[in-house]
Amino acid sequence: MRTKLTVSLILLVIGFLGGFIPQYLKARETSEQLSTQSRELSTCRLSQHLSNLRDSAAMAYLQATQKNYGIAAEYTRQLFEQAQQTAGQTDDPAVQKLLGEVMAARDPIMADLANGDAAVVSKLQPVLTSLEQNAKR
């Protein structure tokens, strides 16, 4: 009787492990794939945010060169809001540095746009150039 109980218990454990191990391996593989896809999605989103920043900077620069300072100020406001949001969403040190440089240019650019100063174009150009170089990463 004791032998039958031991054999039954061993068969039960083997049956359990026979069903559990393949499912565990499949779940682990799926989890790894999901993690990889999540990282790729994060990279794509960051690239999209950088492209949007570049587009806002380009439009601000274009409007400033055409002396449409009010419209340029609106694009610049969007640029700095997007830069601040993106900085809060990324852990990439290179992107953090880039966005820090962009945000450092905020006050002089906004002041020149508010005053209608044509010198703002020379302040927008390095911001646009920097974003253009880094948006293609």
N, C-alpha and C. Protein backbone atom coordinates (compact mmCIF):
# COMPACT_ATOMS: atom_id res chain seq x y z
N MET A 1 0.81 -1.18 0.00
CA MET A 1 0.00 0.00 0.00
C MET A 1 0.86 1.25 0.00
N ARG A 2 1.89 1.21 0.82
CA ARG A 2 2.78 2.36 0.93
C ARG A 2 3.55 2.56 -0.39
N THR A 3 3.89 1.49 -1.07
CA THR A 3 4.59 1.56 -2.33
C THR A 3 3.69 2.18 -3.40
N LYS A 4 2.42 1.79 -3.42
CA LYS A 4 1.48 2.37 -4.39
C LYS A 4 1.32 3.86 -4.16
N LEU A 5 1.26 4.28 -2.93
CA LEU A 5 1.12 5.69 -2.59
C LEU A 5 2.36 6.47 -3.03
N THR A 6 3.52 5.93 -2.81
CA THR A 6 4.77 6.58 -3.21
C THR A 6 4.86 6.68 -4.73
N VAL A 7 4.53 5.61 -5.43
CA VAL A 7 4.55 5.63 -6.90
C VAL A 7 3.53 6.62 -7.42
N SER A 8 2.36 6.67 -6.84
CA SER A 8 1.31 7.62 -7.27
C SER A 8 1.76 9.05 -7.06
N LEU A 9 2.37 9.29 -5.92
CA LEU A 9 2.86 10.64 -5.61
C LEU A 9 3.97 11.05 -6.59
N ILE A 10 4.87 10.14 -6.89
CA ILE A 10 5.96 10.42 -7.84
C ILE A 10 5.38 10.70 -9.23
N LEU A 11 4.40 9.89 -9.66
CA LEU A 11 3.77 10.12 -10.96
C LEU A 11 3.02 11.44 -11.00
N LEU A 12 2.41 11.82 -9.90
CA LEU A 12 1.70 13.11 -9.82
C LEU A 12 2.69 14.27 -9.96
N VAL A 13 3.81 14.19 -9.27
CA VAL A 13 4.84 15.25 -9.37
C VAL A 13 5.40 15.31 -10.78
N ILE A 14 5.68 14.17 -11.38
CA ILE A 14 6.20 14.13 -12.75
C ILE A 14 5.18 14.73 -13.73
N GLY A 15 3.92 14.39 -13.54
CA GLY A 15 2.86 14.95 -14.40
C GLY A 15 2.76 16.45 -14.24
N PHE A 16 2.85 16.93 -13.00
CA PHE A 16 2.80 18.37 -12.75
C PHE A 16 3.96 19.08 -13.43
N LEU A 17 5.17 18.56 -13.20
CA LEU A 17 6.34 19.17 -13.82
C LEU A 17 6.30 19.08 -15.34
N GLY A 18 5.75 17.99 -15.86
CA GLY A 18 5.63 17.83 -17.31
C GLY A 18 4.73 18.89 -17.93
N GLY A 19 3.77 19.39 -17.20
CA GLY A 19 2.91 20.45 -17.71
C GLY A 19 3.41 21.83 -17.36
N PHE A 20 4.06 21.95 -16.22
CA PHE A 20 4.49 23.26 -15.73
C PHE A 20 5.71 23.80 -16.47
N ILE A 21 6.72 22.97 -16.65
CA ILE A 21 8.00 23.43 -17.22
C ILE A 21 7.84 24.00 -18.62
N PRO A 22 7.14 23.35 -19.55
CA PRO A 22 6.99 23.96 -20.89
C PRO A 22 6.24 25.30 -20.84
N GLN A 23 5.22 25.38 -20.02
CA GLN A 23 4.47 26.64 -19.91
C GLN A 23 5.33 27.73 -19.29
N TYR A 24 6.14 27.38 -18.32
CA TYR A 24 7.05 28.34 -17.69
C TYR A 24 8.05 28.87 -18.71
N LEU A 25 8.63 27.99 -19.50
CA LEU A 25 9.60 28.40 -20.51
C LEU A 25 8.96 29.29 -21.57
N LYS A 26 7.75 28.94 -21.96
CA LYS A 26 7.03 29.74 -22.96
C LYS A 26 6.70 31.13 -22.39
N ALA A 27 6.29 31.20 -21.15
CA ALA A 27 5.98 32.49 -20.51
C ALA A 27 7.23 33.35 -20.39
N ARG A 28 8.35 32.74 -20.05
CA ARG A 28 9.60 33.49 -19.93
C ARG A 28 10.04 34.03 -21.28
N GLU A 29 9.91 33.25 -22.33
CA GLU A 29 10.27 33.70 -23.68
C GLU A 29 9.37 34.86 -24.12
N THR A 30 8.09 34.73 -23.85
CA THR A 30 7.15 35.79 -24.20
C THR A 30 7.47 37.07 -23.44
N SER A 31 7.82 36.94 -22.19
CA SER A 31 8.19 38.10 -21.37
C SER A 31 9.43 38.80 -21.93
N GLU A 32 10.40 38.03 -22.37
CA GLU A 32 11.61 38.61 -22.97
C GLU A 32 11.29 39.33 -24.28
N GLN A 33 10.41 38.75 -25.08
CA GLN A 33 10.01 39.39 -26.33
C GLN A 33 9.28 40.70 -26.05
N LEU A 34 8.41 40.68 -25.07
CA LEU A 34 7.67 41.88 -24.70
C LEU A 34 8.61 42.97 -24.21
N SER A 35 9.60 42.59 -23.45
CA SER A 35 10.59 43.55 -22.95
C SER A 35 11.36 44.18 -24.11
N THR A 36 11.75 43.37 -25.09
CA THR A 36 12.47 43.86 -26.26
C THR A 36 11.59 44.82 -27.06
N GLN A 37 10.35 44.45 -27.26
CA GLN A 37 9.43 45.30 -28.01
C GLN A 37 9.17 46.60 -27.26
N SER A 38 9.12 46.54 -25.96
CA SER A 38 8.90 47.74 -25.15
C SER A 38 10.07 48.70 -25.32
N ARG A 39 11.29 48.19 -25.31
CA ARG A 39 12.47 49.04 -25.50
C ARG A 39 12.45 49.65 -26.90
N GLU A 40 12.07 48.87 -27.91
CA GLU A 40 12.01 49.39 -29.28
C GLU A 40 10.95 50.47 -29.40
N LEU A 41 9.82 50.27 -28.75
CA LEU A 41 8.75 51.27 -28.76
C LEU A 41 9.20 52.55 -28.08
N SER A 42 9.92 52.41 -26.99
CA SER A 42 10.44 53.57 -26.27
C SER A 42 11.41 54.35 -27.15
N THR A 43 12.25 53.65 -27.87
CA THR A 43 13.20 54.29 -28.78
C THR A 43 12.47 55.02 -29.90
N CYS A 44 11.44 54.40 -30.43
CA CYS A 44 10.65 55.03 -31.50
C CYS A 44 9.94 56.29 -30.99
N ARG A 45 9.40 56.21 -29.79
CA ARG A 45 8.72 57.39 -29.22
C ARG A 45 9.70 58.53 -29.00
N LEU A 46 10.89 58.21 -28.49
CA LEU A 46 11.89 59.24 -28.28
C LEU A 46 12.28 59.87 -29.61
N SER A 47 12.46 59.05 -30.63
CA SER A 47 12.78 59.56 -31.96
C SER A 47 11.67 60.47 -32.48
N GLN A 48 10.43 60.07 -32.24
CA GLN A 48 9.30 60.91 -32.66
C GLN A 48 9.29 62.24 -31.91
N HIS A 49 9.55 62.20 -30.61
CA HIS A 49 9.58 63.44 -29.83
C HIS A 49 10.69 64.37 -30.33
N LEU A 50 11.85 63.81 -30.61
CA LEU A 50 12.95 64.63 -31.13
C LEU A 50 12.62 65.22 -32.50
N SER A 51 11.93 64.45 -33.32
CA SER A 51 11.51 64.95 -34.63
C SER A 51 10.50 66.09 -34.48
N ASN A 52 9.58 65.94 -33.54
CA ASN A 52 8.61 67.01 -33.29
C ASN A 52 9.30 68.27 -32.78
N LEU A 53 10.31 68.10 -31.93
CA LEU A 53 11.07 69.26 -31.46
C LEU A 53 11.77 69.95 -32.62
N ARG A 54 12.37 69.14 -33.47
CA ARG A 54 13.06 69.69 -34.65
C ARG A 54 12.09 70.45 -35.54
N ASP A 55 10.91 69.90 -35.75
CA ASP A 55 9.91 70.55 -36.59
C ASP A 55 9.47 71.88 -36.00
N SER A 56 9.24 71.91 -34.69
CA SER A 56 8.86 73.16 -34.03
C SER A 56 9.97 74.20 -34.14
N ALA A 57 11.21 73.77 -33.94
CA ALA A 57 12.35 74.68 -34.05
C ALA A 57 12.49 75.20 -35.49
N ALA A 58 12.28 74.33 -36.45
CA ALA A 58 12.38 74.74 -37.86
C ALA A 58 11.31 75.76 -38.22
N MET A 59 10.10 75.52 -37.74
CA MET A 59 9.02 76.47 -38.03
C MET A 59 9.26 77.81 -37.32
N ALA A 60 9.76 77.76 -36.09
CA ALA A 60 10.08 79.00 -35.37
C ALA A 60 11.17 79.78 -36.11
N TYR A 61 12.19 79.07 -36.56
CA TYR A 61 13.29 79.69 -37.30
C TYR A 61 12.78 80.31 -38.60
N LEU A 62 11.97 79.56 -39.32
CA LEU A 62 11.42 80.06 -40.58
C LEU A 62 10.58 81.32 -40.36
N GLN A 63 9.72 81.28 -39.37
CA GLN A 63 8.87 82.44 -39.10
C GLN A 63 9.69 83.63 -38.62
N ALA A 64 10.73 83.38 -37.84
CA ALA A 64 11.57 84.48 -37.37
C ALA A 64 12.35 85.11 -38.53
N THR A 65 12.80 84.29 -39.48
CA THR A 65 13.51 84.85 -40.63
C THR A 65 12.58 85.69 -41.50
N GLN A 66 11.30 85.36 -41.47
CA GLN A 66 10.31 86.13 -42.23
C GLN A 66 9.72 87.27 -41.40
N LYS A 67 10.28 87.47 -40.21
CA LYS A 67 9.90 88.54 -39.29
C LYS A 67 8.45 88.40 -38.80
N ASN A 68 7.96 87.20 -38.74
CA ASN A 68 6.66 86.90 -38.14
C ASN A 68 6.90 86.48 -36.70
N TYR A 69 7.26 87.44 -35.86
CA TYR A 69 7.71 87.12 -34.51
C TYR A 69 6.61 86.54 -33.62
N GLY A 70 5.38 86.93 -33.83
CA GLY A 70 4.28 86.38 -33.03
C GLY A 70 4.09 84.88 -33.30
N ILE A 71 4.09 84.52 -34.58
CA ILE A 71 3.96 83.11 -34.95
C ILE A 71 5.19 82.34 -34.51
N ALA A 72 6.36 82.96 -34.67
CA ALA A 72 7.61 82.31 -34.24
C ALA A 72 7.59 82.08 -32.73
N ALA A 73 7.03 83.02 -31.98
CA ALA A 73 6.94 82.87 -30.52
C ALA A 73 6.05 81.69 -30.16
N GLU A 74 4.97 81.49 -30.91
CA GLU A 74 4.08 80.35 -30.63
C GLU A 74 4.79 79.02 -30.90
N TYR A 75 5.50 78.93 -32.02
CA TYR A 75 6.25 77.71 -32.31
C TYR A 75 7.35 77.50 -31.27
N THR A 76 7.98 78.57 -30.85
CA THR A 76 9.04 78.47 -29.84
C THR A 76 8.47 78.02 -28.50
N ARG A 77 7.30 78.53 -28.15
CA ARG A 77 6.65 78.10 -26.91
C ARG A 77 6.37 76.59 -26.97
N GLN A 78 5.86 76.13 -28.12
CA GLN A 78 5.62 74.69 -28.30
C GLN A 78 6.93 73.90 -28.18
N LEU A 79 7.98 74.43 -28.79
CA LEU A 79 9.29 73.77 -28.75
C LEU A 79 9.74 73.56 -27.31
N PHE A 80 9.68 74.61 -26.50
CA PHE A 80 10.18 74.50 -25.14
C PHE A 80 9.27 73.66 -24.25
N GLU A 81 7.98 73.68 -24.50
CA GLU A 81 7.06 72.81 -23.75
C GLU A 81 7.34 71.34 -24.09
N GLN A 82 7.52 71.06 -25.36
CA GLN A 82 7.81 69.69 -25.79
C GLN A 82 9.16 69.23 -25.25
N ALA A 83 10.13 70.13 -25.23
CA ALA A 83 11.46 69.78 -24.72
C ALA A 83 11.38 69.44 -23.23
N GLN A 84 10.60 70.21 -22.50
CA GLN A 84 10.46 69.96 -21.07
C GLN A 84 9.76 68.62 -20.82
N GLN A 85 8.71 68.34 -21.59
CA GLN A 85 8.00 67.07 -21.44
C GLN A 85 8.90 65.89 -21.79
N THR A 86 9.63 66.02 -22.87
CA THR A 86 10.51 64.93 -23.31
C THR A 86 11.62 64.70 -22.29
N ALA A 87 12.15 65.76 -21.73
CA ALA A 87 13.21 65.62 -20.71
C ALA A 87 12.70 64.84 -19.51
N GLY A 88 11.44 65.01 -19.18
CA GLY A 88 10.86 64.30 -18.05
C GLY A 88 10.56 62.84 -18.35
N GLN A 89 10.56 62.46 -19.61
CA GLN A 89 10.18 61.11 -20.01
C GLN A 89 11.35 60.23 -20.42
N THR A 90 12.56 60.78 -20.48
CA THR A 90 13.69 59.99 -20.96
C THR A 90 14.77 59.88 -19.89
N ASP A 91 15.50 58.77 -19.96
CA ASP A 91 16.63 58.55 -19.06
C ASP A 91 17.95 58.60 -19.82
N ASP A 92 17.89 58.81 -21.12
CA ASP A 92 19.08 58.84 -21.96
C ASP A 92 19.91 60.09 -21.64
N PRO A 93 21.15 59.92 -21.16
CA PRO A 93 21.95 61.09 -20.78
C PRO A 93 22.27 62.02 -21.95
N ALA A 94 22.45 61.48 -23.14
CA ALA A 94 22.74 62.32 -24.30
C ALA A 94 21.54 63.20 -24.64
N VAL A 95 20.36 62.62 -24.57
CA VAL A 95 19.14 63.38 -24.85
C VAL A 95 18.90 64.40 -23.74
N GLN A 96 19.16 64.00 -22.50
CA GLN A 96 19.01 64.93 -21.38
C GLN A 96 19.92 66.15 -21.57
N LYS A 97 21.16 65.89 -22.01
CA LYS A 97 22.11 66.99 -22.24
C LYS A 97 21.61 67.89 -23.36
N LEU A 98 21.17 67.30 -24.46
CA LEU A 98 20.64 68.06 -25.59
C LEU A 98 19.48 68.94 -25.15
N LEU A 99 18.54 68.36 -24.43
CA LEU A 99 17.36 69.11 -24.01
C LEU A 99 17.72 70.18 -22.98
N GLY A 100 18.73 69.92 -22.17
CA GLY A 100 19.22 70.95 -21.24
C GLY A 100 19.77 72.15 -21.99
N GLU A 101 20.51 71.88 -23.06
CA GLU A 101 21.05 72.97 -23.89
C GLU A 101 19.92 73.75 -24.57
N VAL A 102 18.91 73.02 -25.04
CA VAL A 102 17.77 73.67 -25.67
C VAL A 102 17.04 74.56 -24.66
N MET A 103 16.81 74.02 -23.47
CA MET A 103 16.09 74.79 -22.45
C MET A 103 16.90 76.00 -21.96
N ALA A 104 18.22 75.91 -22.01
CA ALA A 104 19.06 77.03 -21.60
C ALA A 104 18.90 78.23 -22.54
N ALA A 105 18.52 77.97 -23.77
CA ALA A 105 18.35 79.05 -24.76
C ALA A 105 16.97 79.69 -24.68
N ARG A 106 16.12 79.20 -23.82
CA ARG A 106 14.72 79.63 -23.78
C ARG A 106 14.55 81.12 -23.49
N ASP A 107 15.08 81.60 -22.39
CA ASP A 107 14.82 82.99 -21.99
C ASP A 107 15.33 84.02 -22.99
N PRO A 108 16.57 83.90 -23.48
CA PRO A 108 17.01 84.90 -24.48
C PRO A 108 16.18 84.87 -25.77
N ILE A 109 15.81 83.68 -26.20
CA ILE A 109 15.02 83.57 -27.43
C ILE A 109 13.64 84.18 -27.23
N MET A 110 12.99 83.82 -26.14
CA MET A 110 11.64 84.34 -25.89
C MET A 110 11.66 85.86 -25.71
N ALA A 111 12.70 86.39 -25.07
CA ALA A 111 12.81 87.85 -24.89
C ALA A 111 12.99 88.54 -26.24
N ASP A 112 13.85 88.00 -27.08
CA ASP A 112 14.05 88.61 -28.40
C ASP A 112 12.79 88.54 -29.25
N LEU A 113 12.05 87.44 -29.16
CA LEU A 113 10.80 87.35 -29.92
C LEU A 113 9.78 88.34 -29.40
N ALA A 114 9.72 88.51 -28.10
CA ALA A 114 8.76 89.46 -27.52
C ALA A 114 9.10 90.89 -27.93
N ASN A 115 10.39 91.18 -28.11
CA ASN A 115 10.82 92.52 -28.50
C ASN A 115 10.86 92.70 -30.02
N GLY A 116 10.64 91.63 -30.76
CA GLY A 116 10.70 91.71 -32.22
C GLY A 116 12.12 91.96 -32.71
N ASP A 117 13.10 91.41 -32.02
CA ASP A 117 14.50 91.61 -32.35
C ASP A 117 14.94 90.57 -33.39
N ALA A 118 15.50 91.04 -34.49
CA ALA A 118 15.94 90.14 -35.56
C ALA A 118 17.12 89.27 -35.14
N ALA A 119 17.77 89.60 -34.04
CA ALA A 119 18.91 88.80 -33.56
C ALA A 119 18.46 87.42 -33.08
N VAL A 120 17.16 87.24 -32.92
CA VAL A 120 16.65 85.95 -32.46
C VAL A 120 16.99 84.83 -33.45
N VAL A 121 17.11 85.19 -34.72
CA VAL A 121 17.43 84.19 -35.74
C VAL A 121 18.78 83.52 -35.44
N SER A 122 19.76 84.32 -35.02
CA SER A 122 21.08 83.76 -34.70
C SER A 122 21.05 82.92 -33.43
N LYS A 123 20.05 83.11 -32.59
CA LYS A 123 19.91 82.30 -31.38
C LYS A 123 19.11 81.02 -31.65
N LEU A 124 18.21 81.08 -32.60
CA LEU A 124 17.42 79.90 -32.96
C LEU A 124 18.22 78.92 -33.82
N GLN A 125 19.13 79.46 -34.61
CA GLN A 125 19.88 78.61 -35.53
C GLN A 125 20.66 77.49 -34.83
N PRO A 126 21.42 77.75 -33.75
CA PRO A 126 22.13 76.64 -33.11
C PRO A 126 21.18 75.61 -32.47
N VAL A 127 20.04 76.07 -31.99
CA VAL A 127 19.05 75.14 -31.42
C VAL A 127 18.54 74.22 -32.51
N LEU A 128 18.18 74.80 -33.64
CA LEU A 128 17.68 74.02 -34.77
C LEU A 128 18.76 73.05 -35.28
N THR A 129 19.97 73.52 -35.41
CA THR A 129 21.06 72.67 -35.89
C THR A 129 21.30 71.50 -34.95
N SER A 130 21.31 71.78 -33.67
CA SER A 130 21.53 70.72 -32.68
C SER A 130 20.41 69.68 -32.72
N LEU A 131 19.18 70.14 -32.81
CA LEU A 131 18.05 69.20 -32.90
C LEU A 131 18.08 68.43 -34.21
N GLU A 132 18.46 69.08 -35.28
CA GLU A 132 18.53 68.41 -36.58
C GLU A 132 19.55 67.28 -36.54
N GLN A 133 20.69 67.52 -35.93
CA GLN A 133 21.74 66.49 -35.86
C GLN A 133 21.32 65.32 -34.97
N ASN A 134 20.61 65.61 -33.91
CA ASN A 134 20.28 64.57 -32.94
C ASN A 134 18.95 63.87 -33.19
N ALA A 135 18.09 64.44 -34.01
CA ALA A 135 16.79 63.81 -34.28
C ALA A 135 16.94 62.61 -35.21
N LYS A 136 18.06 62.48 -35.85
CA LYS A 136 18.27 61.38 -36.81
C LYS A 136 18.98 60.19 -36.19
N ARG A 137 19.08 60.13 -34.87
CA ARG A 137 19.78 59.03 -34.20
C ARG A 137 19.15 57.71 -34.41
